[in-house]
Protein backbone atom coordinates (compact mmCIF):
# COMPACT_ATOMS: atom_id res chain seq x y z
CA MET A 1 -0.15 -0.06 -0.07
CA SER A 2 1.20 3.48 -0.94
CA ASP A 3 1.55 6.35 1.34
CA HIS A 4 -0.60 9.28 0.44
CA VAL A 5 -0.36 12.98 1.05
CA TYR A 6 -3.73 15.04 1.39
CA LYS A 7 -4.55 18.77 1.22
CA MET A 8 -7.57 20.32 3.16
CA VAL A 9 -9.52 23.37 2.03
CA GLU A 10 -12.51 25.14 3.47
CA ILE A 11 -15.44 25.76 1.46
CA VAL A 12 -19.03 26.91 2.50
CA GLY A 13 -22.33 25.42 0.98
CA SER A 14 -25.62 26.95 1.49
CA SER A 15 -29.20 25.86 1.02
CA HIS A 16 -32.82 27.15 1.84
CA VAL A 17 -33.81 23.65 2.37
CA SER A 18 -31.61 21.98 5.11
CA THR A 19 -28.13 21.79 6.33
CA ASP A 20 -27.88 18.38 4.63
CA ASP A 21 -28.72 19.93 1.36
CA ALA A 22 -26.01 22.48 1.96
CA ILE A 23 -23.48 20.00 2.61
CA ARG A 24 -24.44 18.02 -0.44
CA ASN A 25 -24.46 21.32 -2.64
CA ALA A 26 -20.94 22.16 -1.38
CA ILE A 27 -19.50 18.70 -2.14
CA GLU A 28 -21.17 18.03 -5.43
CA THR A 29 -20.10 21.42 -6.66
CA SER A 30 -16.46 21.58 -5.50
CA ALA A 31 -16.10 17.89 -7.03
CA LYS A 32 -16.23 19.43 -10.31
CA THR A 33 -13.12 21.13 -9.97
CA ILE A 34 -11.32 19.12 -6.94
CA ARG A 35 -10.39 15.74 -7.75
CA ARG A 36 -10.04 12.78 -5.52
CA ILE A 37 -11.95 14.46 -2.56
CA SER A 38 -11.92 11.66 0.28
CA TRP A 39 -13.61 13.11 3.34
CA PHE A 40 -15.28 16.22 4.85
CA GLU A 41 -15.71 17.79 8.33
CA VAL A 42 -18.32 20.16 9.30
CA ILE A 43 -16.78 23.06 11.07
CA LYS A 44 -19.73 25.48 11.53
CA THR A 45 -23.27 25.62 10.85
CA THR A 46 -25.01 29.17 10.74
CA GLY A 47 -28.31 30.31 9.15
CA HIS A 48 -30.20 33.31 8.11
CA VAL A 49 -33.40 34.28 9.84
CA VAL A 50 -36.29 36.26 7.92
CA GLU A 51 -39.46 37.24 9.94
CA GLY A 52 -38.87 34.71 12.55
CA LYS A 53 -38.08 31.67 10.09
CA VAL A 54 -35.02 30.24 8.92
CA ALA A 55 -34.47 31.41 5.25
CA HIS A 56 -31.10 29.90 4.65
CA PHE A 57 -28.85 27.44 6.17
CA GLN A 58 -24.92 27.79 5.66
CA VAL A 59 -22.39 25.19 6.45
CA THR A 60 -18.60 25.54 6.40
CA LEU A 61 -16.73 22.33 5.76
CA LYS A 62 -13.09 21.27 5.66
CA VAL A 63 -12.70 19.02 2.60
CA GLY A 64 -9.89 16.71 2.06
CA PHE A 65 -8.45 15.42 -1.10
CA ARG A 66 -5.44 13.39 -2.10
CA ILE A 67 -2.80 14.89 -3.99
CA GLU A 68 -1.50 13.01 -7.01
CA GLY A 69 1.64 11.63 -7.12
CA GLU A 70 4.27 11.52 -10.08
């Protein structure tokens, strides 16, 4: 088994539906430009309230992906 090197980046996903949807939006969108995403960690969950109701969910993630070898 080869040793691997990983890089982490922070991304933020949002959704008016749910935190789960915000996470999926963030991962699926970033996977279009970041190859080999292996894992994610939720760092922070925030939201926007309008007239006493949740209008938007925002989730900050750390995403790990493997650096390609030679």
